[in-house]
Amino acid sequence: MALNAGWPIIGWARTPVAPVGGALRHCQPHDLGAPLVRHLLAQAGLPADAVDAVVLGNALGAGGNPARLLALAAGLPERTQALTVDTQCCAGMDAVTQACGLLALGQAQVVLAGGAEAWSRAPIRMHRPGGTEAPQPYEQPAFTPWPTRDPDMLDAAADTAAHQALARSAQDAYALHSHAQACRLRTAPPPEIVPVAGLAHDAYPRALTPARAARMPAVRQRASAQGLDCSLSPLAIAPKADGAALLLLAHPAACRRWGLRPRAAWRDACTLGGAPEAPMLCAQQAALALLRRHALAPAALGAVELHDAFAAQGLAFAAALGLPWQALNAEGSGLARGHPIGASGAIALVRALARRAAVAATQPQALALACVAGAGGLGSATLLGAWNDPND
């Protein structure tokens, strides 16, 4: 197979995204993922025993192997490989990259990959002390061995805003735009969404006004070196959420065996590390490295999806790629949907695939880019395109 042909993507799907404590609050990760597995197999006309592996991103499961639970809950064969990936916010996207590695190594012919996060059901975390000390609960684990280089994510976002002189008003405008775009999908949910627990659309997007946004109290106060108000408002932060997304990928030989018709191709990906204290910038670093590898100009892309946990991240990303920020996330983003950590990268992939499919009628060879950054200083970017079988 030619190096640039990539790997066939047979289908993609996601659940709605709901805030923690909302409509998906009773679901475990496998409860969210199993309907997607069944949907994708039925859509492709594949029997369950055709699946060789499940690779699942999950950040809050506190150990175990959520991928194995998903494989069994979805009725896949007991022989199915099950690998869980935890690179925090990057996990859902990195799981798809790992799945392509299985295809490339000949370890699997058909793989389901993505992410699932049930933040509402996440285990309560506690540090086990030594001696007779009482256990200490914690919300955020350590992401570096150095506390001074391991900021709270709200502080990291606020610091990015201040260092890059991103005004609060600009952050709020970005977030308001994201909500407005996402609200358009409430009345006509896209076909990528598989209803779960009675929910058929993303629950969080809402109509907001600039005046209401301006009245929200700052979560973190910051100012640029020039004295510009760069504070972080609640509107500029993606809420904690539950959700899942999966891709069905296959080796070209499996496509011929099962009569599968690829809808797109995974072309390439870049995952890298950056400064732990500046995680907001890592998605753009991965994106730029991937685009340089293929000598691609950002403006030539048919769609760009960034999971933006913070508005400051989205503004910095757009500036780094030389794009207007309105060019990102054409139908809303993580700010408007929510942030199911281990699934967010996979949801960005599904959104990018859906957008690429929408423009393919007039631009059959259009490329799409999906990106995400993770705590600890990680970034992932994936390039998607049309499947051009090198054997044809």
Protein backbone atom coordinates (compact mmCIF):
# COMPACT_ATOMS: atom_id res chain seq x y z
CA MET A 1 0.00 0.00 0.00
CA ALA A 2 1.35 3.41 -0.93
CA LEU A 3 2.57 5.37 2.08
CA ASN A 4 0.22 8.31 1.49
CA ALA A 5 -2.89 6.20 0.89
CA GLY A 6 -3.57 5.97 4.60
CA TRP A 7 -6.16 3.59 6.02
CA PRO A 8 -9.80 3.19 5.04
CA ILE A 9 -12.43 4.63 7.34
CA ILE A 10 -15.67 2.71 6.88
CA GLY A 11 -17.85 4.77 9.19
CA TRP A 12 -18.01 7.07 12.19
CA ALA A 13 -20.54 7.86 14.89
CA ARG A 14 -20.85 9.55 18.25
CA THR A 15 -23.26 9.90 21.10
CA PRO A 16 -24.79 13.23 22.03
CA VAL A 17 -22.67 15.11 24.57
CA ALA A 18 -24.32 16.03 27.86
CA PRO A 19 -23.01 17.95 30.88
CA VAL A 20 -22.06 15.99 33.97
CA GLY A 21 -25.19 15.09 35.92
CA GLY A 22 -27.35 15.39 32.82
CA ALA A 23 -29.13 12.93 30.55
CA LEU A 24 -26.18 10.50 30.35
CA ARG A 25 -25.42 10.51 34.09
CA HIS A 26 -26.35 6.85 34.60
CA CYS A 27 -24.14 5.55 31.77
CA GLN A 28 -20.77 3.87 32.16
CA PRO A 29 -18.23 4.20 29.31
CA HIS A 30 -19.29 0.87 27.79
CA ASP A 31 -22.96 1.92 27.98
CA LEU A 32 -22.07 4.92 25.83
CA GLY A 33 -19.89 3.01 23.39
CA ALA A 34 -21.93 -0.16 22.82
CA PRO A 35 -24.74 1.52 20.80
CA LEU A 36 -22.06 3.05 18.57
CA VAL A 37 -20.48 -0.34 17.93
CA ARG A 38 -23.81 -1.88 16.97
CA HIS A 39 -24.70 1.11 14.78
CA LEU A 40 -21.41 1.08 12.89
CA LEU A 41 -21.49 -2.67 12.26
CA ALA A 42 -25.11 -2.53 11.06
CA GLN A 43 -24.32 0.46 8.84
CA ALA A 44 -21.39 -1.40 7.24
CA GLY A 45 -23.17 -4.76 7.04
CA LEU A 46 -20.41 -6.38 9.11
CA PRO A 47 -20.92 -9.26 11.54
CA ALA A 48 -19.57 -8.81 15.06
CA ASP A 49 -17.03 -11.58 14.56
CA ALA A 50 -15.31 -9.55 11.82
CA VAL A 51 -13.92 -7.14 14.45
CA ASP A 52 -10.38 -7.95 15.54
CA ALA A 53 -9.71 -5.14 18.01
CA VAL A 54 -11.17 -2.28 20.03
CA VAL A 55 -8.89 0.63 20.95
CA LEU A 56 -10.55 3.07 23.34
CA GLY A 57 -9.43 6.36 24.84
CA ASN A 58 -10.51 6.91 28.45
CA ALA A 59 -9.08 9.30 31.02
CA LEU A 60 -11.20 8.97 34.16
CA GLY A 61 -11.79 5.24 34.52
CA ALA A 62 -9.06 4.92 37.17
CA GLY A 63 -7.50 1.77 35.80
CA GLY A 64 -9.10 -1.41 34.55
CA ASN A 65 -9.63 -1.78 30.83
CA PRO A 66 -12.75 0.06 29.60
CA ALA A 67 -12.04 -1.16 26.05
CA ARG A 68 -12.54 -4.76 27.18
CA LEU A 69 -15.81 -3.90 28.89
CA LEU A 70 -16.98 -2.18 25.73
CA ALA A 71 -16.05 -5.13 23.51
CA LEU A 72 -17.95 -7.57 25.70
CA ALA A 73 -20.95 -5.28 26.28
CA ALA A 74 -21.29 -4.74 22.53
CA GLY A 75 -21.38 -8.47 21.82
CA LEU A 76 -18.02 -8.71 20.09
CA PRO A 77 -16.18 -12.06 20.12
CA GLU A 78 -14.29 -12.91 23.28
CA ARG A 79 -11.12 -13.21 21.19
CA THR A 80 -11.28 -9.47 20.31
CA GLN A 81 -8.21 -7.49 21.33
CA ALA A 82 -9.07 -4.65 23.72
CA LEU A 83 -6.63 -1.81 24.37
CA THR A 84 -7.33 1.27 26.50
CA VAL A 85 -5.33 4.45 25.86
CA ASP A 86 -4.92 7.22 28.45
CA THR A 87 -3.28 10.37 27.14
CA GLN A 88 -5.98 12.42 28.85
CA CYS A 89 -7.69 14.84 26.42
CA CYS A 90 -5.73 13.39 23.47
CA ALA A 91 -6.77 9.80 24.25
CA GLY A 92 -9.70 9.46 21.84
CA MET A 93 -7.62 10.70 18.90
CA ASP A 94 -4.52 8.78 19.91
CA ALA A 95 -6.60 5.60 20.12
CA VAL A 96 -7.41 5.94 16.41
CA THR A 97 -3.73 6.43 15.60
CA GLN A 98 -2.91 3.30 17.60
CA ALA A 99 -5.61 1.41 15.70
CA CYS A 100 -3.95 2.35 12.42
CA GLY A 101 -0.73 0.97 13.87
CA LEU A 102 -2.44 -2.39 14.41
CA LEU A 103 -3.57 -2.36 10.78
CA ALA A 104 -0.08 -1.44 9.57
CA LEU A 105 1.56 -4.20 11.60
CA GLY A 106 -0.89 -6.83 10.42
CA GLN A 107 -2.18 -7.34 13.97
CA ALA A 108 -5.77 -6.61 12.95
CA GLN A 109 -7.92 -6.31 9.83
CA VAL A 110 -10.98 -4.54 11.28
CA VAL A 111 -10.73 -2.17 14.25
CA LEU A 112 -13.14 0.01 16.21
CA ALA A 113 -11.37 2.97 17.79
CA GLY A 114 -12.22 6.21 19.56
CA GLY A 115 -13.05 7.33 23.06
CA ALA A 116 -15.70 7.09 25.76
CA GLU A 117 -15.94 9.08 28.97
CA ALA A 118 -18.57 8.85 31.68
CA TRP A 119 -17.44 11.76 33.84
CA SER A 120 -20.68 11.55 35.82
CA ARG A 121 -19.68 8.05 36.95
CA ALA A 122 -15.95 8.63 37.39
CA PRO A 123 -14.51 6.96 40.50
CA ILE A 124 -13.74 9.13 43.51
CA ARG A 125 -9.97 9.59 43.58
CA MET A 126 -7.87 9.42 46.73
CA HIS A 127 -4.14 9.26 47.35
CA ARG A 128 -3.09 6.35 49.55
CA PRO A 129 -0.77 7.81 52.21
CA GLY A 130 1.97 6.14 54.16
CA GLY A 131 1.78 5.40 57.87
CA THR A 132 -1.35 6.43 59.73
CA GLU A 133 -2.24 9.49 57.63
CA ALA A 134 -5.78 9.75 56.30
CA PRO A 135 -6.34 9.24 52.54
CA GLN A 136 -6.38 12.49 50.61
CA PRO A 137 -9.02 13.07 47.91
CA TYR A 138 -7.97 14.80 44.71
CA GLU A 139 -9.62 15.97 41.51
CA GLN A 140 -6.67 16.44 39.14
CA PRO A 141 -3.78 13.95 39.10
CA ALA A 142 -0.19 15.03 38.63
CA PHE A 143 0.75 15.50 34.98
CA THR A 144 4.45 16.22 35.57
CA PRO A 145 6.90 15.26 38.33
CA TRP A 146 7.38 18.98 39.08
CA PRO A 147 4.51 20.79 40.83
CA THR A 148 5.83 24.16 39.67
CA ARG A 149 5.41 23.05 36.03
CA ASP A 150 2.03 21.41 36.51
CA PRO A 151 -0.56 24.21 36.51
CA ASP A 152 -4.26 23.93 37.10
CA MET A 153 -5.90 23.96 33.67
CA LEU A 154 -7.85 27.15 34.42
CA ASP A 155 -4.61 28.89 35.34
CA ALA A 156 -2.91 27.55 32.21
CA ALA A 157 -5.70 28.93 30.02
CA ALA A 158 -5.70 32.29 31.79
CA ASP A 159 -1.91 32.53 31.51
CA THR A 160 -2.09 31.77 27.79
CA ALA A 161 -4.68 34.51 27.37
CA ALA A 162 -2.48 37.01 29.21
CA HIS A 163 0.75 36.06 27.43
CA GLN A 164 -0.90 36.33 24.02
CA ALA A 165 -2.99 39.39 24.90
CA LEU A 166 -6.29 37.64 24.22
CA ALA A 167 -8.92 39.96 25.65
CA ARG A 168 -11.81 38.59 27.64
CA SER A 169 -14.14 40.20 25.13
CA ALA A 170 -12.46 38.27 22.29
CA GLN A 171 -12.67 35.02 24.24
CA ASP A 172 -16.36 35.59 24.94
CA ALA A 173 -17.04 36.45 21.30
CA TYR A 174 -15.37 33.20 20.25
CA ALA A 175 -17.48 31.21 22.72
CA LEU A 176 -20.72 32.96 21.75
CA HIS A 177 -20.04 32.12 18.10
CA SER A 178 -19.45 28.46 19.01
CA HIS A 179 -22.77 28.24 20.87
CA ALA A 180 -24.64 29.95 18.03
CA GLN A 181 -23.19 27.50 15.48
CA ALA A 182 -23.97 24.49 17.66
CA CYS A 183 -27.53 25.64 18.35
CA ARG A 184 -28.27 25.26 14.64
CA LEU A 185 -27.85 21.49 15.07
CA ARG A 186 -30.40 21.25 17.88
CA THR A 187 -33.38 21.19 15.53
CA ALA A 188 -31.71 18.93 12.94
CA PRO A 189 -29.15 16.70 14.68
CA PRO A 190 -26.50 15.38 12.27
CA PRO A 191 -26.60 11.71 11.23
CA GLU A 192 -23.34 11.09 13.09
CA ILE A 193 -25.28 11.14 16.39
CA VAL A 194 -26.64 7.86 17.75
CA PRO A 195 -29.26 8.54 20.46
CA VAL A 196 -28.44 7.25 23.93
CA ALA A 197 -30.60 7.27 27.06
CA GLY A 198 -33.33 9.13 25.20
CA LEU A 199 -31.04 12.00 24.20
CA ALA A 200 -30.69 12.66 20.45
CA HIS A 201 -28.79 15.98 20.38
CA ASP A 202 -26.03 17.77 22.25
CA ALA A 203 -27.61 19.07 25.42
CA TYR A 204 -25.43 22.04 26.35
CA PRO A 205 -25.45 24.61 23.47
CA ARG A 206 -27.65 27.59 24.26
CA ALA A 207 -28.58 30.99 22.94
CA LEU A 208 -26.63 33.68 24.77
CA THR A 209 -26.15 37.41 24.35
CA PRO A 210 -22.95 39.47 24.64
CA ALA A 211 -24.57 41.42 27.48
CA ARG A 212 -25.18 38.27 29.49
CA ALA A 213 -21.66 37.06 28.78
CA ALA A 214 -20.20 40.34 30.02
CA ARG A 215 -22.07 40.01 33.33
CA MET A 216 -20.54 36.62 34.15
CA PRO A 217 -17.96 36.85 36.95
CA ALA A 218 -14.37 36.04 36.02
CA VAL A 219 -13.15 32.58 37.01
CA ARG A 220 -9.51 33.69 36.77
CA GLN A 221 -8.32 37.31 36.71
CA ARG A 222 -5.49 38.12 34.31
CA ALA A 223 -4.16 41.13 32.41
CA SER A 224 -1.67 41.37 29.57
CA ALA A 225 1.62 43.24 29.89
CA GLN A 226 -0.17 46.23 28.34
CA GLY A 227 -2.97 46.10 30.92
CA LEU A 228 -5.59 44.45 28.66
CA ASP A 229 -8.25 42.51 30.58
CA CYS A 230 -7.58 38.86 29.63
CA SER A 231 -9.63 37.27 32.41
CA LEU A 232 -11.31 33.91 31.98
CA SER A 233 -15.12 33.85 32.12
CA PRO A 234 -17.25 30.70 32.62
CA LEU A 235 -18.46 31.02 29.03
CA ALA A 236 -14.90 30.54 27.76
CA ILE A 237 -14.50 27.12 29.44
CA ALA A 238 -15.87 23.84 28.10
CA PRO A 239 -18.03 22.17 30.76
CA LYS A 240 -17.37 18.72 32.17
CA ALA A 241 -19.37 16.23 30.10
CA ASP A 242 -20.22 12.64 29.19
CA GLY A 243 -19.98 11.26 25.67
CA ALA A 244 -18.36 8.82 23.24
CA ALA A 245 -17.27 8.59 19.61
CA LEU A 246 -15.96 5.71 17.48
CA LEU A 247 -14.51 5.13 14.02
CA LEU A 248 -14.66 1.85 12.12
CA LEU A 249 -11.39 1.24 10.25
CA ALA A 250 -10.34 -1.66 8.05
CA HIS A 251 -7.37 -2.94 6.11
CA PRO A 252 -7.85 -2.74 2.32
CA ALA A 253 -7.79 -6.55 2.23
CA ALA A 254 -10.68 -6.62 4.71
CA CYS A 255 -12.57 -4.13 2.54
CA ARG A 256 -12.29 -6.51 -0.40
CA ARG A 257 -13.18 -9.54 1.70
CA TRP A 258 -16.29 -8.02 3.25
CA GLY A 259 -17.32 -5.76 0.38
CA LEU A 260 -16.80 -2.61 2.44
CA ARG A 261 -16.95 0.82 0.84
CA PRO A 262 -14.64 3.29 2.61
CA ARG A 263 -16.16 6.71 3.19
CA ALA A 264 -12.87 8.45 3.95
CA ALA A 265 -9.24 7.79 4.82
CA TRP A 266 -7.03 8.33 7.84
CA ARG A 267 -4.00 9.86 6.12
CA ASP A 268 -1.53 10.64 8.88
CA ALA A 269 -1.20 11.89 12.44
CA CYS A 270 1.26 13.68 14.66
CA THR A 271 1.41 13.33 18.43
CA LEU A 272 4.03 15.25 20.35
CA GLY A 273 4.89 16.80 23.66
CA GLY A 274 5.44 20.44 24.51
CA ALA A 275 6.00 22.62 27.56
CA PRO A 276 3.94 21.15 30.44
CA GLU A 277 3.08 24.63 31.72
CA ALA A 278 1.68 25.67 28.32
CA PRO A 279 -0.62 22.77 27.29
CA MET A 280 -2.96 25.13 25.42
CA LEU A 281 -0.36 25.54 22.67
CA CYS A 282 0.35 21.86 22.04
CA ALA A 283 -2.49 21.23 19.56
CA GLN A 284 -1.20 23.95 17.25
CA GLN A 285 2.35 22.59 17.52
CA ALA A 286 1.15 19.13 16.45
CA ALA A 287 -0.97 20.61 13.65
CA LEU A 288 1.88 22.70 12.25
CA ALA A 289 4.28 19.74 12.38
CA LEU A 290 1.78 17.56 10.51
CA LEU A 291 1.08 20.19 7.87
CA ARG A 292 4.81 20.80 7.33
CA ARG A 293 5.33 17.07 6.87
CA HIS A 294 2.94 17.15 3.92
CA ALA A 295 3.78 20.66 2.67
CA LEU A 296 0.17 21.71 3.21
CA ALA A 297 -1.08 25.26 3.75
CA PRO A 298 -3.78 25.60 6.44
CA ALA A 299 -5.92 27.67 4.07
CA ALA A 300 -6.07 24.71 1.67
CA LEU A 301 -7.91 22.50 4.15
CA GLY A 302 -11.59 21.76 3.59
CA ALA A 303 -12.35 21.62 7.32
CA VAL A 304 -10.51 22.26 10.59
CA GLU A 305 -11.83 20.89 13.87
CA LEU A 306 -10.15 21.73 17.16
CA HIS A 307 -11.40 20.45 20.46
CA ASP A 308 -11.11 23.73 22.32
CA ALA A 309 -11.43 23.21 26.05
CA PHE A 310 -10.93 26.97 26.37
CA ALA A 311 -11.66 29.91 24.09
CA ALA A 312 -8.11 31.18 24.60
CA GLN A 313 -6.84 27.91 23.14
CA GLY A 314 -9.00 28.33 20.03
CA LEU A 315 -7.90 31.92 19.44
CA ALA A 316 -4.22 31.03 19.87
CA PHE A 317 -4.59 28.01 17.55
CA ALA A 318 -6.21 30.05 14.77
CA ALA A 319 -3.54 32.75 15.01
CA ALA A 320 -0.73 30.18 14.87
CA LEU A 321 -2.18 28.63 11.70
CA GLY A 322 -2.88 32.00 10.12
CA LEU A 323 -6.62 31.34 9.94
CA PRO A 324 -9.56 33.50 11.01
CA TRP A 325 -10.96 31.90 14.15
CA GLN A 326 -14.35 31.67 12.46
CA ALA A 327 -12.81 29.05 10.15
CA LEU A 328 -12.58 26.57 13.03
CA ASN A 329 -15.36 24.21 14.06
CA ALA A 330 -18.00 25.19 11.50
CA GLU A 331 -20.86 23.75 13.57
CA GLY A 332 -19.72 24.55 17.08
CA SER A 333 -16.98 23.14 19.25
CA GLY A 334 -16.14 21.66 22.62
CA LEU A 335 -16.96 24.98 24.25
CA ALA A 336 -20.57 24.56 23.16
CA ARG A 337 -20.83 20.75 23.50
CA GLY A 338 -18.77 20.01 26.58
CA HIS A 339 -15.55 18.13 27.32
CA PRO A 340 -15.81 14.35 27.88
CA ILE A 341 -12.05 14.15 28.30
CA GLY A 342 -11.09 10.77 26.82
CA ALA A 343 -13.68 11.09 24.05
CA SER A 344 -13.09 14.70 23.00
CA GLY A 345 -10.37 13.94 20.45
CA ALA A 346 -12.50 11.23 18.86
CA ILE A 347 -15.48 13.60 18.69
CA ALA A 348 -13.25 16.13 16.90
CA LEU A 349 -12.39 13.39 14.39
CA VAL A 350 -16.06 12.55 13.82
CA ARG A 351 -16.90 16.23 13.35
CA ALA A 352 -14.01 16.66 10.90
CA LEU A 353 -15.12 13.60 8.92
CA ALA A 354 -18.69 14.89 8.81
CA ARG A 355 -17.55 18.31 7.59
CA ARG A 356 -15.24 16.79 4.98
CA ALA A 357 -18.12 14.65 3.72
CA ALA A 358 -20.27 17.78 3.42
CA VAL A 359 -17.78 19.50 1.11
CA ALA A 360 -16.80 16.35 -0.81
CA ALA A 361 -19.61 16.82 -3.36
CA THR A 362 -17.78 19.82 -4.78
CA GLN A 363 -14.28 19.00 -3.49
CA PRO A 364 -13.86 15.19 -3.67
CA GLN A 365 -10.21 15.33 -2.57
CA ALA A 366 -10.76 17.81 0.24
CA LEU A 367 -8.62 17.31 3.34
CA ALA A 368 -9.71 17.81 6.93
CA LEU A 369 -7.65 18.40 10.05
CA ALA A 370 -8.67 17.42 13.59
CA CYS A 371 -6.65 18.51 16.62
CA VAL A 372 -6.65 18.31 20.41
CA ALA A 373 -4.32 19.20 23.28
CA GLY A 374 -3.90 17.43 26.60
CA ALA A 375 -2.82 18.20 30.15
CA GLY A 376 0.86 17.73 30.84
CA GLY A 377 1.82 19.28 27.52
CA LEU A 378 0.57 16.90 24.83
CA GLY A 379 -0.83 17.63 21.39
CA SER A 380 -2.34 15.46 18.66
CA ALA A 381 -3.38 16.24 15.10
CA THR A 382 -4.85 13.98 12.42
CA LEU A 383 -5.15 14.49 8.68
CA LEU A 384 -8.21 13.00 6.94
CA GLY A 385 -9.05 12.73 3.26
CA ALA A 386 -10.66 10.68 0.52
CA TRP A 387 -9.83 6.99 0.21
CA ASN A 388 -7.98 6.35 -3.03
CA ASP A 389 -7.32 2.63 -3.27
CA PRO A 390 -3.76 2.20 -4.60
CA ASN A 391 -4.78 -1.18 -6.03
CA ASP A 392 -7.40 0.32 -8.34
